[in-house]
Amino acid sequence: MSLTEHHRGTTWLERGGLRPTRQRLALAGLLVGDGLNRHVTAESLFAAAAQAGEKVSLATVYNTLRAFCEAGLLNEVVVDGARSYFDTRLDDHPHFYWEDSNALTDAPVEDLVISNLPAAPEGMAVSRVDVVIRLKKA
């Protein structure tokens, strides 16, 4: 990991109030070290860590992604009951889910118009709205 990637990962963890353990730093560097936004699954991040020579278990990747979400550093985007993606981009925006390749990408937010939402049940507040547009070859 380069010095820049390490610095970005450390700063990112600090923003979430997380202690910078070796494993967290390694995964944070893979997620935000290059400054780009990305969508990962636990399995794809595990594979990237292995390719980078980082020794981390799949269970640790899952637990760390959950900790990053709880710290407000990632958003989890569930595309079906068995597949979740973790998004480093935190602003409200829609996604395309490419069914043929199982990829999740950002969709243009300027083209999305939500004119009305149902009222939240009493005592509840809407925390966010996830829009996933599923795509397949015509």
N, C-alpha and C. Protein backbone atom coordinates (compact mmCIF):
# COMPACT_ATOMS: atom_id res chain seq x y z
N MET A 1 0.87 -1.17 0.00
CA MET A 1 0.00 0.00 0.00
C MET A 1 0.91 1.23 0.00
N SER A 2 0.57 2.18 -0.86
CA SER A 2 1.36 3.40 -0.94
C SER A 2 1.08 4.29 0.27
N LEU A 3 1.94 5.28 0.45
CA LEU A 3 1.77 6.23 1.55
C LEU A 3 0.45 6.99 1.42
N THR A 4 0.08 7.36 0.19
CA THR A 4 -1.18 8.08 -0.04
C THR A 4 -2.37 7.21 0.31
N GLU A 5 -2.34 5.95 -0.14
CA GLU A 5 -3.44 5.02 0.18
C GLU A 5 -3.55 4.82 1.68
N HIS A 6 -2.41 4.67 2.35
CA HIS A 6 -2.40 4.48 3.80
C HIS A 6 -2.99 5.71 4.49
N HIS A 7 -2.58 6.90 4.05
CA HIS A 7 -3.08 8.15 4.65
C HIS A 7 -4.59 8.28 4.44
N ARG A 8 -5.07 8.01 3.21
CA ARG A 8 -6.51 8.11 2.96
C ARG A 8 -7.28 7.11 3.82
N GLY A 9 -6.77 5.89 3.93
CA GLY A 9 -7.43 4.88 4.76
C GLY A 9 -7.46 5.28 6.22
N THR A 10 -6.36 5.80 6.73
CA THR A 10 -6.29 6.23 8.13
C THR A 10 -7.26 7.38 8.40
N THR A 11 -7.27 8.36 7.52
CA THR A 11 -8.17 9.51 7.66
C THR A 11 -9.62 9.07 7.63
N TRP A 12 -9.93 8.14 6.72
CA TRP A 12 -11.29 7.62 6.58
C TRP A 12 -11.73 6.92 7.86
N LEU A 13 -10.86 6.07 8.43
CA LEU A 13 -11.18 5.37 9.67
C LEU A 13 -11.37 6.36 10.82
N GLU A 14 -10.53 7.38 10.89
CA GLU A 14 -10.67 8.39 11.93
C GLU A 14 -12.01 9.10 11.82
N ARG A 15 -12.44 9.39 10.60
CA ARG A 15 -13.73 10.07 10.40
C ARG A 15 -14.88 9.23 10.96
N GLY A 16 -14.74 7.91 10.91
CA GLY A 16 -15.76 7.02 11.46
C GLY A 16 -15.55 6.69 12.93
N GLY A 17 -14.47 7.21 13.52
CA GLY A 17 -14.19 6.93 14.93
C GLY A 17 -13.71 5.52 15.18
N LEU A 18 -13.12 4.89 14.17
CA LEU A 18 -12.66 3.51 14.30
C LEU A 18 -11.16 3.45 14.55
N ARG A 19 -10.77 2.53 15.40
CA ARG A 19 -9.35 2.30 15.68
C ARG A 19 -8.70 1.71 14.43
N PRO A 20 -7.55 2.23 14.02
CA PRO A 20 -6.91 1.75 12.79
C PRO A 20 -6.08 0.48 13.00
N THR A 21 -6.76 -0.66 13.11
CA THR A 21 -6.04 -1.93 13.22
C THR A 21 -5.40 -2.26 11.87
N ARG A 22 -4.50 -3.21 11.84
CA ARG A 22 -3.83 -3.60 10.60
C ARG A 22 -4.84 -4.04 9.55
N GLN A 23 -5.80 -4.86 9.96
CA GLN A 23 -6.78 -5.37 9.00
C GLN A 23 -7.71 -4.26 8.51
N ARG A 24 -8.16 -3.41 9.40
CA ARG A 24 -9.01 -2.29 8.98
C ARG A 24 -8.27 -1.37 8.02
N LEU A 25 -7.00 -1.09 8.34
CA LEU A 25 -6.21 -0.23 7.46
C LEU A 25 -6.04 -0.85 6.08
N ALA A 26 -5.80 -2.15 6.04
CA ALA A 26 -5.62 -2.83 4.76
C ALA A 26 -6.90 -2.75 3.93
N LEU A 27 -8.05 -3.03 4.55
CA LEU A 27 -9.31 -2.99 3.83
C LEU A 27 -9.72 -1.56 3.47
N ALA A 28 -9.47 -0.62 4.37
CA ALA A 28 -9.77 0.78 4.07
C ALA A 28 -8.93 1.26 2.89
N GLY A 29 -7.67 0.87 2.85
CA GLY A 29 -6.81 1.24 1.73
C GLY A 29 -7.34 0.72 0.42
N LEU A 30 -7.86 -0.50 0.42
CA LEU A 30 -8.43 -1.07 -0.80
C LEU A 30 -9.74 -0.37 -1.19
N LEU A 31 -10.49 0.07 -0.21
CA LEU A 31 -11.78 0.71 -0.48
C LEU A 31 -11.64 2.16 -0.92
N VAL A 32 -10.81 2.93 -0.23
CA VAL A 32 -10.76 4.38 -0.49
C VAL A 32 -9.37 4.91 -0.78
N GLY A 33 -8.38 4.04 -0.80
CA GLY A 33 -7.00 4.48 -0.95
C GLY A 33 -6.72 5.25 -2.22
N ASP A 34 -7.41 4.92 -3.31
CA ASP A 34 -7.15 5.62 -4.58
C ASP A 34 -8.06 6.83 -4.76
N GLY A 35 -8.94 7.10 -3.79
CA GLY A 35 -9.80 8.27 -3.87
C GLY A 35 -11.04 8.08 -4.73
N LEU A 36 -11.23 6.90 -5.30
CA LEU A 36 -12.39 6.64 -6.15
C LEU A 36 -13.50 5.97 -5.35
N ASN A 37 -14.73 6.18 -5.78
CA ASN A 37 -15.85 5.48 -5.16
C ASN A 37 -15.98 4.11 -5.78
N ARG A 38 -16.43 3.17 -4.98
CA ARG A 38 -16.59 1.81 -5.51
C ARG A 38 -17.71 1.08 -4.80
N HIS A 39 -18.15 0.00 -5.45
CA HIS A 39 -19.15 -0.91 -4.91
C HIS A 39 -18.48 -2.27 -4.81
N VAL A 40 -18.48 -2.85 -3.62
CA VAL A 40 -17.83 -4.15 -3.44
C VAL A 40 -18.78 -5.09 -2.72
N THR A 41 -18.57 -6.36 -2.94
CA THR A 41 -19.18 -7.38 -2.10
C THR A 41 -18.09 -7.83 -1.12
N ALA A 42 -18.47 -8.52 -0.08
CA ALA A 42 -17.47 -9.04 0.85
C ALA A 42 -16.51 -9.97 0.11
N GLU A 43 -17.05 -10.75 -0.80
CA GLU A 43 -16.22 -11.70 -1.54
C GLU A 43 -15.23 -10.99 -2.47
N SER A 44 -15.68 -9.92 -3.14
CA SER A 44 -14.77 -9.22 -4.04
C SER A 44 -13.69 -8.47 -3.26
N LEU A 45 -14.02 -7.94 -2.08
CA LEU A 45 -13.02 -7.27 -1.25
C LEU A 45 -12.04 -8.30 -0.69
N PHE A 46 -12.53 -9.46 -0.31
CA PHE A 46 -11.66 -10.55 0.17
C PHE A 46 -10.67 -10.94 -0.92
N ALA A 47 -11.16 -11.07 -2.17
CA ALA A 47 -10.28 -11.44 -3.28
C ALA A 47 -9.25 -10.34 -3.55
N ALA A 48 -9.66 -9.07 -3.47
CA ALA A 48 -8.73 -7.96 -3.68
C ALA A 48 -7.66 -7.94 -2.59
N ALA A 49 -8.06 -8.24 -1.36
CA ALA A 49 -7.10 -8.28 -0.26
C ALA A 49 -6.09 -9.40 -0.47
N ALA A 50 -6.58 -10.56 -0.87
CA ALA A 50 -5.67 -11.69 -1.13
C ALA A 50 -4.71 -11.34 -2.26
N GLN A 51 -5.21 -10.72 -3.32
CA GLN A 51 -4.37 -10.34 -4.45
C GLN A 51 -3.31 -9.31 -4.03
N ALA A 52 -3.64 -8.47 -3.06
CA ALA A 52 -2.70 -7.47 -2.56
C ALA A 52 -1.75 -8.05 -1.52
N GLY A 53 -1.91 -9.35 -1.21
CA GLY A 53 -1.03 -10.00 -0.25
C GLY A 53 -1.42 -9.78 1.20
N GLU A 54 -2.62 -9.29 1.43
CA GLU A 54 -3.11 -9.08 2.80
C GLU A 54 -3.69 -10.37 3.34
N LYS A 55 -3.30 -10.73 4.54
CA LYS A 55 -3.81 -11.94 5.17
C LYS A 55 -5.00 -11.55 6.05
N VAL A 56 -6.19 -11.84 5.54
CA VAL A 56 -7.42 -11.52 6.25
C VAL A 56 -8.45 -12.57 5.86
N SER A 57 -9.22 -13.04 6.83
CA SER A 57 -10.23 -14.06 6.55
C SER A 57 -11.49 -13.43 5.98
N LEU A 58 -12.30 -14.25 5.31
CA LEU A 58 -13.57 -13.77 4.78
C LEU A 58 -14.48 -13.30 5.92
N ALA A 59 -14.47 -14.00 7.03
CA ALA A 59 -15.28 -13.59 8.19
C ALA A 59 -14.85 -12.21 8.69
N THR A 60 -13.56 -11.95 8.71
CA THR A 60 -13.06 -10.64 9.12
C THR A 60 -13.51 -9.56 8.14
N VAL A 61 -13.51 -9.87 6.84
CA VAL A 61 -13.98 -8.91 5.84
C VAL A 61 -15.44 -8.58 6.11
N TYR A 62 -16.27 -9.60 6.31
CA TYR A 62 -17.69 -9.36 6.60
C TYR A 62 -17.84 -8.49 7.85
N ASN A 63 -17.16 -8.85 8.93
CA ASN A 63 -17.28 -8.10 10.19
C ASN A 63 -16.78 -6.66 10.04
N THR A 64 -15.72 -6.48 9.27
CA THR A 64 -15.17 -5.14 9.08
C THR A 64 -16.09 -4.29 8.23
N LEU A 65 -16.68 -4.86 7.19
CA LEU A 65 -17.64 -4.11 6.38
C LEU A 65 -18.83 -3.68 7.24
N ARG A 66 -19.30 -4.55 8.11
CA ARG A 66 -20.41 -4.19 9.02
C ARG A 66 -19.99 -3.04 9.93
N ALA A 67 -18.77 -3.11 10.46
CA ALA A 67 -18.28 -2.04 11.34
C ALA A 67 -18.18 -0.72 10.57
N PHE A 68 -17.73 -0.78 9.32
CA PHE A 68 -17.64 0.43 8.49
C PHE A 68 -19.03 1.02 8.26
N CYS A 69 -20.03 0.16 8.04
CA CYS A 69 -21.41 0.64 7.85
C CYS A 69 -21.93 1.28 9.14
N GLU A 70 -21.72 0.62 10.26
CA GLU A 70 -22.20 1.15 11.54
C GLU A 70 -21.54 2.47 11.88
N ALA A 71 -20.30 2.68 11.41
CA ALA A 71 -19.58 3.92 11.66
C ALA A 71 -19.96 5.02 10.66
N GLY A 72 -20.83 4.69 9.71
CA GLY A 72 -21.27 5.68 8.74
C GLY A 72 -20.29 5.90 7.60
N LEU A 73 -19.39 4.96 7.38
CA LEU A 73 -18.38 5.09 6.33
C LEU A 73 -18.80 4.46 5.01
N LEU A 74 -19.73 3.51 5.07
CA LEU A 74 -20.23 2.81 3.90
C LEU A 74 -21.74 2.72 3.97
N ASN A 75 -22.36 2.57 2.82
CA ASN A 75 -23.78 2.22 2.75
C ASN A 75 -23.89 0.82 2.19
N GLU A 76 -24.76 0.03 2.78
CA GLU A 76 -25.05 -1.30 2.25
C GLU A 76 -26.23 -1.18 1.29
N VAL A 77 -26.06 -1.75 0.11
CA VAL A 77 -27.12 -1.78 -0.91
C VAL A 77 -27.47 -3.24 -1.13
N VAL A 78 -28.67 -3.62 -0.75
CA VAL A 78 -29.11 -5.01 -0.90
C VAL A 78 -29.84 -5.13 -2.23
N VAL A 79 -29.33 -6.02 -3.10
CA VAL A 79 -29.97 -6.18 -4.41
C VAL A 79 -30.90 -7.38 -4.44
N ASP A 80 -30.70 -8.32 -3.56
CA ASP A 80 -31.66 -9.39 -3.31
C ASP A 80 -31.34 -9.95 -1.94
N GLY A 81 -32.11 -10.88 -1.47
CA GLY A 81 -31.92 -11.38 -0.12
C GLY A 81 -30.56 -11.99 0.15
N ALA A 82 -29.85 -12.40 -0.90
CA ALA A 82 -28.58 -13.08 -0.71
C ALA A 82 -27.37 -12.26 -1.16
N ARG A 83 -27.57 -11.08 -1.72
CA ARG A 83 -26.44 -10.32 -2.25
C ARG A 83 -26.50 -8.87 -1.79
N SER A 84 -25.42 -8.46 -1.12
CA SER A 84 -25.27 -7.08 -0.67
C SER A 84 -24.00 -6.50 -1.28
N TYR A 85 -24.09 -5.22 -1.62
CA TYR A 85 -22.92 -4.46 -2.07
C TYR A 85 -22.68 -3.36 -1.04
N PHE A 86 -21.45 -2.97 -0.92
CA PHE A 86 -21.07 -1.92 0.01
C PHE A 86 -20.53 -0.76 -0.82
N ASP A 87 -21.12 0.41 -0.62
CA ASP A 87 -20.88 1.58 -1.45
C ASP A 87 -20.11 2.63 -0.65
N THR A 88 -18.99 3.09 -1.20
CA THR A 88 -18.20 4.12 -0.52
C THR A 88 -18.78 5.51 -0.73
N ARG A 89 -19.67 5.66 -1.70
CA ARG A 89 -20.29 6.97 -1.96
C ARG A 89 -21.52 7.10 -1.04
N LEU A 90 -21.53 8.10 -0.20
CA LEU A 90 -22.54 8.19 0.85
C LEU A 90 -23.73 9.08 0.53
N ASP A 91 -23.65 9.91 -0.52
CA ASP A 91 -24.79 10.77 -0.83
C ASP A 91 -25.92 9.92 -1.41
N ASP A 92 -27.13 10.48 -1.39
CA ASP A 92 -28.28 9.77 -1.95
C ASP A 92 -28.14 9.71 -3.47
N HIS A 93 -28.16 8.50 -4.01
CA HIS A 93 -28.07 8.32 -5.45
C HIS A 93 -28.60 6.94 -5.82
N PRO A 94 -29.14 6.81 -7.04
CA PRO A 94 -29.66 5.52 -7.49
C PRO A 94 -28.54 4.63 -8.04
N HIS A 95 -28.87 3.37 -8.21
CA HIS A 95 -27.91 2.40 -8.74
C HIS A 95 -28.51 1.61 -9.90
N PHE A 96 -27.63 1.19 -10.80
CA PHE A 96 -27.96 0.18 -11.80
C PHE A 96 -27.40 -1.14 -11.29
N TYR A 97 -28.21 -2.20 -11.36
CA TYR A 97 -27.73 -3.54 -11.08
C TYR A 97 -27.78 -4.31 -12.39
N TRP A 98 -26.62 -4.70 -12.88
CA TRP A 98 -26.47 -5.38 -14.15
C TRP A 98 -26.61 -6.89 -13.90
N GLU A 99 -27.78 -7.43 -14.19
CA GLU A 99 -28.09 -8.82 -13.86
C GLU A 99 -27.17 -9.82 -14.55
N ASP A 100 -26.74 -9.50 -15.78
CA ASP A 100 -25.89 -10.44 -16.51
C ASP A 100 -24.51 -10.58 -15.90
N SER A 101 -24.00 -9.52 -15.28
CA SER A 101 -22.65 -9.57 -14.72
C SER A 101 -22.62 -9.43 -13.20
N ASN A 102 -23.78 -9.30 -12.58
CA ASN A 102 -23.87 -9.10 -11.13
C ASN A 102 -23.05 -7.90 -10.66
N ALA A 103 -23.07 -6.82 -11.44
CA ALA A 103 -22.33 -5.61 -11.09
C ALA A 103 -23.30 -4.53 -10.64
N LEU A 104 -22.85 -3.69 -9.73
CA LEU A 104 -23.62 -2.55 -9.26
C LEU A 104 -22.84 -1.29 -9.61
N THR A 105 -23.50 -0.34 -10.26
CA THR A 105 -22.86 0.93 -10.62
C THR A 105 -23.80 2.07 -10.26
N ASP A 106 -23.24 3.26 -10.16
CA ASP A 106 -24.06 4.44 -9.91
C ASP A 106 -24.88 4.76 -11.15
N ALA A 107 -26.11 5.20 -10.93
CA ALA A 107 -26.97 5.68 -12.01
C ALA A 107 -27.05 7.20 -11.89
N PRO A 108 -27.34 7.89 -12.99
CA PRO A 108 -27.39 9.35 -12.93
C PRO A 108 -28.49 9.85 -12.00
N VAL A 109 -28.10 10.54 -10.96
CA VAL A 109 -29.05 11.05 -9.98
C VAL A 109 -29.92 12.16 -10.57
N GLU A 110 -29.38 12.91 -11.52
CA GLU A 110 -30.14 14.03 -12.09
C GLU A 110 -31.34 13.57 -12.90
N ASP A 111 -31.38 12.30 -13.30
CA ASP A 111 -32.50 11.78 -14.07
C ASP A 111 -33.59 11.15 -13.20
N LEU A 112 -33.35 11.05 -11.91
CA LEU A 112 -34.31 10.41 -11.02
C LEU A 112 -35.20 11.45 -10.36
N VAL A 113 -36.50 11.21 -10.42
CA VAL A 113 -37.46 12.09 -9.75
C VAL A 113 -38.37 11.21 -8.90
N ILE A 114 -38.36 11.43 -7.61
CA ILE A 114 -39.30 10.76 -6.71
C ILE A 114 -40.25 11.84 -6.22
N SER A 115 -41.49 11.77 -6.67
CA SER A 115 -42.41 12.86 -6.38
C SER A 115 -43.13 12.70 -5.05
N ASN A 116 -43.21 11.47 -4.53
CA ASN A 116 -43.95 11.29 -3.29
C ASN A 116 -43.52 9.98 -2.65
N LEU A 117 -43.42 9.99 -1.35
CA LEU A 117 -43.15 8.79 -0.57
C LEU A 117 -44.31 8.56 0.38
N PRO A 118 -44.63 7.32 0.68
CA PRO A 118 -45.67 7.09 1.69
C PRO A 118 -45.20 7.62 3.04
N ALA A 119 -46.14 8.02 3.85
CA ALA A 119 -45.81 8.51 5.19
C ALA A 119 -45.21 7.36 6.00
N ALA A 120 -44.21 7.67 6.78
CA ALA A 120 -43.61 6.67 7.66
C ALA A 120 -44.61 6.33 8.78
N PRO A 121 -44.60 5.10 9.24
CA PRO A 121 -45.47 4.74 10.36
C PRO A 121 -45.17 5.61 11.58
N GLU A 122 -46.16 5.75 12.44
CA GLU A 122 -46.03 6.59 13.62
C GLU A 122 -44.79 6.17 14.42
N GLY A 123 -44.05 7.18 14.84
CA GLY A 123 -42.84 6.93 15.63
C GLY A 123 -41.62 6.58 14.81
N MET A 124 -41.76 6.56 13.50
CA MET A 124 -40.64 6.19 12.63
C MET A 124 -40.31 7.37 11.71
N ALA A 125 -39.08 7.39 11.21
CA ALA A 125 -38.65 8.39 10.24
C ALA A 125 -37.93 7.67 9.11
N VAL A 126 -38.07 8.16 7.90
CA VAL A 126 -37.36 7.59 6.76
C VAL A 126 -35.88 7.91 6.93
N SER A 127 -35.03 6.89 6.92
CA SER A 127 -33.59 7.13 7.07
C SER A 127 -32.92 7.29 5.71
N ARG A 128 -33.41 6.57 4.71
CA ARG A 128 -32.91 6.74 3.35
C ARG A 128 -33.78 5.93 2.42
N VAL A 129 -33.70 6.23 1.14
CA VAL A 129 -34.45 5.50 0.12
C VAL A 129 -33.43 4.92 -0.85
N ASP A 130 -33.45 3.61 -1.03
CA ASP A 130 -32.56 2.96 -1.98
C ASP A 130 -33.31 2.70 -3.27
N VAL A 131 -32.73 3.14 -4.38
CA VAL A 131 -33.30 2.88 -5.69
C VAL A 131 -32.30 2.04 -6.47
N VAL A 132 -32.69 0.81 -6.78
CA VAL A 132 -31.86 -0.09 -7.57
C VAL A 132 -32.64 -0.43 -8.85
N ILE A 133 -32.08 -0.04 -9.97
CA ILE A 133 -32.69 -0.28 -11.27
C ILE A 133 -32.01 -1.50 -11.88
N ARG A 134 -32.77 -2.56 -12.05
CA ARG A 134 -32.19 -3.82 -12.56
C ARG A 134 -32.17 -3.78 -14.09
N LEU A 135 -31.03 -4.17 -14.64
CA LEU A 135 -30.85 -4.16 -16.10
C LEU A 135 -30.54 -5.55 -16.60
N LYS A 136 -31.09 -5.87 -17.78
CA LYS A 136 -30.74 -7.11 -18.47
C LYS A 136 -30.75 -6.83 -19.97
N LYS A 137 -30.06 -7.65 -20.71
CA LYS A 137 -30.00 -7.46 -22.16
C LYS A 137 -31.39 -7.64 -22.75
N ALA A 138 -31.73 -6.75 -23.67
CA ALA A 138 -33.06 -6.78 -24.30
C ALA A 138 -33.10 -7.86 -25.37
